C-alpha atoms as a PDB file:
ATOM      1  CA  LYS A   1       0.417   0.123  -0.089  1.00  0.00           C
ATOM      2  CA  ALA A   2       2.861   2.695   0.838  1.00  0.00           C
ATOM      3  CA  GLU A   3       4.905   1.825  -2.470  1.00  0.00           C
ATOM      4  CA  SER A   4       0.919   2.352  -4.511  1.00  0.00           C
ATOM      5  CA  GLU A   5       0.739   5.810  -2.765  1.00  0.00           C
ATOM      6  CA  ARG A   6       4.739   6.873  -3.216  1.00  0.00           C
ATOM      7  CA  ASP A   7       4.413   6.223  -6.563  1.00  0.00           C
ATOM      8  CA  LYS A   8       1.235   8.211  -7.091  1.00  0.00           C
ATOM      9  CA  TYR A   9       2.818  11.067  -5.414  1.00  0.00           C
ATOM     10  CA  LEU A  10       6.100  10.816  -7.553  1.00  0.00           C
ATOM     11  CA  LEU A  11       3.935  10.209 -10.673  1.00  0.00           C
ATOM     12  CA  GLN A  12       2.242  13.921 -10.207  1.00  0.00           C
ATOM     13  CA  ALA A  13       5.314  15.561  -9.091  1.00  0.00           C
ATOM     14  CA  TYR A  14       6.710  13.873 -12.462  1.00  0.00           C
ATOM     15  CA  THR A  15       3.752  14.513 -14.451  1.00  0.00           C
ATOM     16  CA  LEU A  16       3.729  18.133 -13.854  1.00  0.00           C
ATOM     17  CA  GLU A  17       3.856  20.354 -16.769  1.00  0.00           C
ATOM     18  CA  PRO A  18       6.670  23.982 -16.621  1.00  0.00           C
ATOM     19  CA  GLU A  19       5.133  26.981 -16.487  1.00  0.00           C
ATOM     20  CA  ASN A  20       7.429  27.635 -20.118  1.00  0.00           C
ATOM     21  CA  LYS A  21       8.202  24.791 -22.175  1.00  0.00           C
ATOM     22  CA  ASP A  22      10.971  26.502 -23.443  1.00  0.00           C
ATOM     23  CA  GLU A  23      12.741  27.225 -20.198  1.00  0.00           C
ATOM     24  CA  ALA A  24      11.845  23.864 -17.996  1.00  0.00           C
ATOM     25  CA  SER A  25      13.482  24.450 -14.607  1.00  0.00           C
ATOM     26  CA  PRO A  26      15.233  21.990 -12.637  1.00  0.00           C
ATOM     27  CA  THR A  27      13.159  20.314 -10.254  1.00  0.00           C
ATOM     28  CA  PHE A  28      14.275  18.333  -6.641  1.00  0.00           C
ATOM     29  CA  VAL A  29      11.025  16.435  -5.189  1.00  0.00           C
ATOM     30  CA  ALA A  30      11.536  15.575  -1.560  1.00  0.00           C
ATOM     31  CA  VAL A  31      10.280  12.124  -0.552  1.00  0.00           C
ATOM     32  CA  GLY A  32      10.863  10.770   2.768  1.00  0.00           C
ATOM     33  CA  LEU A  33       9.523   9.472   5.804  1.00  0.00           C
ATOM     34  CA  THR A  34       7.849  12.395   8.443  1.00  0.00           C
ATOM     35  CA  GLY A  35      10.017  14.230  10.479  1.00  0.00           C
ATOM     36  CA  THR A  36      13.306  13.575   8.563  1.00  0.00           C
ATOM     37  CA  GLY A  37      13.459  17.305   7.278  1.00  0.00           C
ATOM     38  CA  LYS A  38      12.159  17.380   4.056  1.00  0.00           C
ATOM     39  CA  SER A  39      10.349  20.716   4.702  1.00  0.00           C
ATOM     40  CA  GLU A  40      12.992  21.890   6.054  1.00  0.00           C
ATOM     41  CA  MET A  41      15.583  20.976   3.250  1.00  0.00           C
ATOM     42  CA  CYS A  42      12.857  22.814   1.227  1.00  0.00           C
ATOM     43  CA  TYR A  43      12.769  25.813   3.232  1.00  0.00           C
ATOM     44  CA  TRP A  44      17.129  26.090   3.077  1.00  0.00           C
ATOM     45  CA  MET A  45      16.850  25.546   0.123  1.00  0.00           C
ATOM     46  CA  THR A  46      14.150  28.090  -0.879  1.00  0.00           C
ATOM     47  CA  GLY A  47      14.095  30.738   1.792  1.00  0.00           C
ATOM     48  CA  ASP A  48      10.380  30.272   1.189  1.00  0.00           C
ATOM     49  CA  LEU A  49       9.283  30.383   4.943  1.00  0.00           C
ATOM     50  CA  ALA A  50       5.358  30.528   4.553  1.00  0.00           C
ATOM     51  CA  SER A  51       5.627  27.859   0.740  1.00  0.00           C
ATOM     52  CA  CYS A  52       8.041  24.935   2.868  1.00  0.00           C
ATOM     53  CA  ASN A  53       6.428  25.730   6.097  1.00  0.00           C
ATOM     54  CA  PRO A  54       8.935  23.375   8.834  1.00  0.00           C
ATOM     55  CA  SER A  55       7.233  22.289  11.687  1.00  0.00           C
ATOM     56  CA  GLY A  56      11.257  22.314  13.194  1.00  0.00           C
ATOM     57  CA  SER A  57      10.070  18.895  14.864  1.00  0.00           C
ATOM     58  CA  MET A  58       9.440  14.701  14.197  1.00  0.00           C
ATOM     59  CA  GLN A  59       5.229  15.757  13.762  1.00  0.00           C
ATOM     60  CA  SER A  60       3.188  15.999  10.620  1.00  0.00           C
ATOM     61  CA  ASN A  61       3.072  19.569   8.564  1.00  0.00           C
ATOM     62  CA  THR A  62       2.920  18.777   4.983  1.00  0.00           C
ATOM     63  CA  SER A  63      -0.390  16.967   4.289  1.00  0.00           C
ATOM     64  CA  GLN A  64      -0.489  18.479   0.415  1.00  0.00           C
ATOM     65  CA  VAL A  65       2.273  19.107  -2.196  1.00  0.00           C
ATOM     66  CA  GLN A  66       3.977  22.053  -2.037  1.00  0.00           C
ATOM     67  CA  VAL A  67       5.549  23.241  -5.583  1.00  0.00           C
ATOM     68  CA  VAL A  68       8.357  26.275  -4.608  1.00  0.00           C
ATOM     69  CA  LYS A  69       9.781  28.211  -7.849  1.00  0.00           C
ATOM     70  CA  ALA A  70      12.939  29.652  -6.625  1.00  0.00           C
ATOM     71  CA  TYR A  71      16.577  30.906  -6.118  1.00  0.00           C
ATOM     72  CA  PRO A  72      19.061  28.846  -5.006  1.00  0.00           C
ATOM     73  CA  PHE A  73      19.223  30.009  -1.508  1.00  0.00           C
ATOM     74  CA  ASN A  74      16.608  32.642  -2.567  1.00  0.00           C
ATOM     75  CA  ASP A  75      19.337  34.499  -4.226  1.00  0.00           C
ATOM     76  CA  PRO A  76      18.597  35.580  -7.228  1.00  0.00           C
ATOM     77  CA  LYS A  77      22.751  36.163  -7.988  1.00  0.00           C
ATOM     78  CA  MET A  78      23.097  31.991  -8.137  1.00  0.00           C
ATOM     79  CA  GLY A  79      21.703  31.521 -11.425  1.00  0.00           C
ATOM     80  CA  GLU A  80      18.601  30.190 -13.185  1.00  0.00           C
ATOM     81  CA  ARG A  81      15.726  29.171 -10.969  1.00  0.00           C
ATOM     82  CA  PHE A  82      14.104  25.341  -9.939  1.00  0.00           C
ATOM     83  CA  ARG A  83      11.155  23.666  -9.163  1.00  0.00           C
ATOM     84  CA  TRP A  84      11.256  22.822  -5.460  1.00  0.00           C
ATOM     85  CA  ILE A  85       8.163  19.853  -4.481  1.00  0.00           C
ATOM     86  CA  ASP A  86       8.272  18.969  -1.349  1.00  0.00           C
ATOM     87  CA  THR A  87       5.738  15.774  -0.514  1.00  0.00           C
ATOM     88  CA  PRO A  88       4.109  14.840   2.657  1.00  0.00           C
ATOM     89  CA  GLY A  89       5.901  11.979   4.861  1.00  0.00           C
ATOM     90  CA  ARG A  90       4.773   8.559   4.810  1.00  0.00           C
ATOM     91  CA  GLY A  91       4.327   7.573   8.578  1.00  0.00           C
ATOM     92  CA  ASP A  92       1.946  10.184   9.481  1.00  0.00           C
ATOM     93  CA  THR A  93       1.907  11.112  13.204  1.00  0.00           C
ATOM     94  CA  ARG A  94      -1.444  12.276  13.178  1.00  0.00           C
ATOM     95  CA  GLY A  95      -2.647   8.558  12.477  1.00  0.00           C
ATOM     96  CA  GLU A  96      -2.772   5.057   9.511  1.00  0.00           C
ATOM     97  CA  GLY A  97      -5.873   7.131   8.390  1.00  0.00           C
ATOM     98  CA  ASN A  98      -3.971  10.321   7.079  1.00  0.00           C
ATOM     99  CA  ASP A  99      -1.559   8.520   5.176  1.00  0.00           C
ATOM    100  CA  THR A 100      -4.330   6.256   3.346  1.00  0.00           C
ATOM    101  CA  SER A 101      -6.281   9.162   2.625  1.00  0.00           C
ATOM    102  CA  MET A 102      -3.349  10.592   0.837  1.00  0.00           C
END
């Protein structure tokens, strides 16, 4: 069951269409267990606290796939923008029903 859910999220991330097909951005997808730092890494890489919303704990925080388009480390001098896709973690601390609903 967990593998099919993971595959669903990976397929969703893989099939996202670039906003401008002539200039497809590099894309990073964060996938893993709840509390492993996916949203924290999103914030660190993009500087976008509102979109990444790290919890700072081992508790579940991300419940929807978030797509953040940003410059590396929020610095336009670093070059081209990229997409960071933050996914909900597996092993949701709010109960097995939350894993099933995702």
